[in-house]
């Protein structure tokens, strides 16, 4: 019975893994206007919106 339970979990995880491949962690370096030091802004963004995130 344990093997059947593992099989059921794998099918659910495959759907979640397929959806997870559409998301990417993006890290953007932002320069502070006062001190000139860099800070990093990071976010998990859908792959279709990466250019929008980096453009701002």
N, C-alpha and C. Protein backbone atom coordinates (compact mmCIF):
# COMPACT_ATOMS: atom_id res chain seq x y z
N UNK A 1 0.81 -1.20 0.00
CA UNK A 1 0.00 0.00 0.00
C UNK A 1 0.85 1.26 0.00
N UNK A 2 2.00 1.21 0.59
CA UNK A 2 2.83 2.41 0.64
C UNK A 2 3.24 2.85 -0.76
N UNK A 3 3.46 1.91 -1.64
CA UNK A 3 3.85 2.27 -3.00
C UNK A 3 2.72 3.01 -3.71
N UNK A 4 1.50 2.65 -3.45
CA UNK A 4 0.38 3.33 -4.08
C UNK A 4 0.29 4.77 -3.58
N UNK A 5 0.55 4.97 -2.32
CA UNK A 5 0.50 6.31 -1.76
C UNK A 5 1.58 7.19 -2.38
N UNK A 6 2.78 6.62 -2.57
CA UNK A 6 3.86 7.37 -3.19
C UNK A 6 3.51 7.75 -4.62
N UNK A 7 2.86 6.85 -5.33
CA UNK A 7 2.47 7.13 -6.71
C UNK A 7 1.47 8.27 -6.76
N UNK A 8 0.53 8.29 -5.85
CA UNK A 8 -0.47 9.36 -5.81
C UNK A 8 0.19 10.71 -5.52
N UNK A 9 1.18 10.71 -4.65
CA UNK A 9 1.87 11.96 -4.32
C UNK A 9 2.67 12.44 -5.52
N UNK A 10 3.30 11.54 -6.25
CA UNK A 10 4.11 11.94 -7.39
C UNK A 10 3.27 12.62 -8.46
N UNK A 11 2.07 12.15 -8.71
CA UNK A 11 1.26 12.76 -9.75
C UNK A 11 0.85 14.18 -9.35
N UNK A 12 0.58 14.42 -8.11
CA UNK A 12 0.25 15.77 -7.64
C UNK A 12 1.49 16.66 -7.72
N UNK A 13 2.65 16.13 -7.35
CA UNK A 13 3.88 16.91 -7.37
C UNK A 13 4.30 17.25 -8.79
N UNK A 14 4.00 16.41 -9.75
CA UNK A 14 4.36 16.70 -11.13
C UNK A 14 3.61 17.92 -11.64
N UNK A 15 2.35 18.04 -11.28
CA UNK A 15 1.58 19.21 -11.68
C UNK A 15 2.15 20.47 -11.03
N UNK A 16 2.49 20.37 -9.77
CA UNK A 16 3.06 21.52 -9.06
C UNK A 16 4.43 21.86 -9.62
N UNK A 17 5.23 20.86 -9.96
CA UNK A 17 6.55 21.10 -10.52
C UNK A 17 6.45 21.76 -11.89
N UNK A 18 5.48 21.36 -12.68
CA UNK A 18 5.30 21.97 -14.00
C UNK A 18 4.92 23.44 -13.86
N UNK A 19 4.11 23.76 -12.89
CA UNK A 19 3.72 25.16 -12.65
C UNK A 19 4.90 25.94 -12.06
N UNK A 20 5.68 25.31 -11.23
CA UNK A 20 6.81 25.99 -10.58
C UNK A 20 7.89 26.38 -11.59
N UNK A 21 7.97 25.69 -12.70
CA UNK A 21 8.98 26.02 -13.70
C UNK A 21 8.69 27.35 -14.39
N UNK A 22 7.51 27.88 -14.21
CA UNK A 22 7.14 29.16 -14.81
C UNK A 22 7.58 30.35 -13.96
N UNK A 23 8.14 30.11 -12.78
CA UNK A 23 8.53 31.18 -11.87
C UNK A 23 10.05 31.20 -11.72
N UNK A 24 10.61 32.40 -11.56
CA UNK A 24 12.05 32.57 -11.46
C UNK A 24 12.37 33.55 -10.34
N UNK A 25 13.45 33.29 -9.62
CA UNK A 25 13.91 34.24 -8.61
C UNK A 25 14.82 35.24 -9.31
N UNK A 26 14.49 36.52 -9.20
CA UNK A 26 15.23 37.58 -9.87
C UNK A 26 15.83 38.50 -8.81
N UNK A 27 17.10 38.83 -8.98
CA UNK A 27 17.79 39.73 -8.05
C UNK A 27 18.25 40.94 -8.85
N UNK A 28 17.89 42.12 -8.36
CA UNK A 28 18.19 43.37 -9.05
C UNK A 28 19.03 44.25 -8.14
N UNK A 29 20.13 44.76 -8.65
CA UNK A 29 20.98 45.68 -7.88
C UNK A 29 20.43 47.09 -8.06
N UNK A 30 20.20 47.78 -6.94
CA UNK A 30 19.65 49.14 -6.96
C UNK A 30 20.64 50.04 -6.23
N UNK A 31 21.02 51.13 -6.86
CA UNK A 31 21.98 52.05 -6.26
C UNK A 31 21.25 53.13 -5.47
N UNK A 32 21.70 53.36 -4.26
CA UNK A 32 21.11 54.37 -3.39
C UNK A 32 21.53 55.76 -3.88
N UNK A 33 20.57 56.68 -4.03
CA UNK A 33 20.94 58.03 -4.49
C UNK A 33 21.73 58.82 -3.44
N UNK A 34 21.53 58.54 -2.15
CA UNK A 34 22.23 59.28 -1.10
C UNK A 34 23.67 58.83 -0.92
N UNK A 35 23.86 57.54 -0.70
CA UNK A 35 25.19 57.06 -0.36
C UNK A 35 25.94 56.46 -1.55
N UNK A 36 25.23 56.09 -2.59
CA UNK A 36 25.88 55.47 -3.74
C UNK A 36 26.11 53.98 -3.57
N UNK A 37 25.73 53.44 -2.41
CA UNK A 37 25.90 52.02 -2.16
C UNK A 37 24.80 51.23 -2.87
N UNK A 38 25.11 50.00 -3.17
CA UNK A 38 24.13 49.14 -3.82
C UNK A 38 23.35 48.33 -2.80
N UNK A 39 22.08 48.19 -3.05
CA UNK A 39 21.23 47.27 -2.30
C UNK A 39 20.63 46.31 -3.32
N UNK A 40 20.14 45.21 -2.85
CA UNK A 40 19.61 44.20 -3.74
C UNK A 40 18.14 43.98 -3.47
N UNK A 41 17.36 44.03 -4.52
CA UNK A 41 15.94 43.78 -4.43
C UNK A 41 15.71 42.44 -5.10
N UNK A 42 15.11 41.51 -4.38
CA UNK A 42 14.86 40.20 -4.97
C UNK A 42 13.38 39.86 -4.88
N UNK A 43 12.93 39.11 -5.87
CA UNK A 43 11.53 38.72 -5.93
C UNK A 43 11.40 37.45 -6.76
N UNK A 44 10.34 36.74 -6.53
CA UNK A 44 10.00 35.59 -7.35
C UNK A 44 8.94 36.06 -8.33
N UNK A 45 9.30 36.01 -9.61
CA UNK A 45 8.50 36.62 -10.66
C UNK A 45 8.14 35.57 -11.71
N UNK A 46 6.96 35.71 -12.29
CA UNK A 46 6.56 34.83 -13.39
C UNK A 46 7.48 35.09 -14.57
N UNK A 47 7.81 34.06 -15.33
CA UNK A 47 8.81 34.20 -16.39
C UNK A 47 8.40 35.21 -17.47
N UNK A 48 7.12 35.48 -17.61
CA UNK A 48 6.66 36.44 -18.60
C UNK A 48 6.85 37.89 -18.14
N UNK A 49 7.10 38.11 -16.87
CA UNK A 49 7.18 39.48 -16.33
C UNK A 49 8.57 39.85 -15.84
N UNK A 50 9.58 39.09 -16.22
CA UNK A 50 10.95 39.36 -15.77
C UNK A 50 11.44 40.70 -16.30
N UNK A 51 11.22 40.99 -17.57
CA UNK A 51 11.70 42.25 -18.15
C UNK A 51 11.01 43.45 -17.49
N UNK A 52 9.75 43.31 -17.13
CA UNK A 52 9.05 44.39 -16.43
C UNK A 52 9.69 44.65 -15.07
N UNK A 53 10.04 43.59 -14.37
CA UNK A 53 10.67 43.74 -13.04
C UNK A 53 12.03 44.42 -13.16
N UNK A 54 12.82 44.02 -14.12
CA UNK A 54 14.15 44.59 -14.28
C UNK A 54 14.12 45.99 -14.87
N UNK A 55 13.05 46.33 -15.55
CA UNK A 55 12.96 47.65 -16.18
C UNK A 55 12.65 48.77 -15.22
N UNK A 56 12.09 48.50 -14.08
CA UNK A 56 11.72 49.56 -13.13
C UNK A 56 12.81 49.86 -12.17
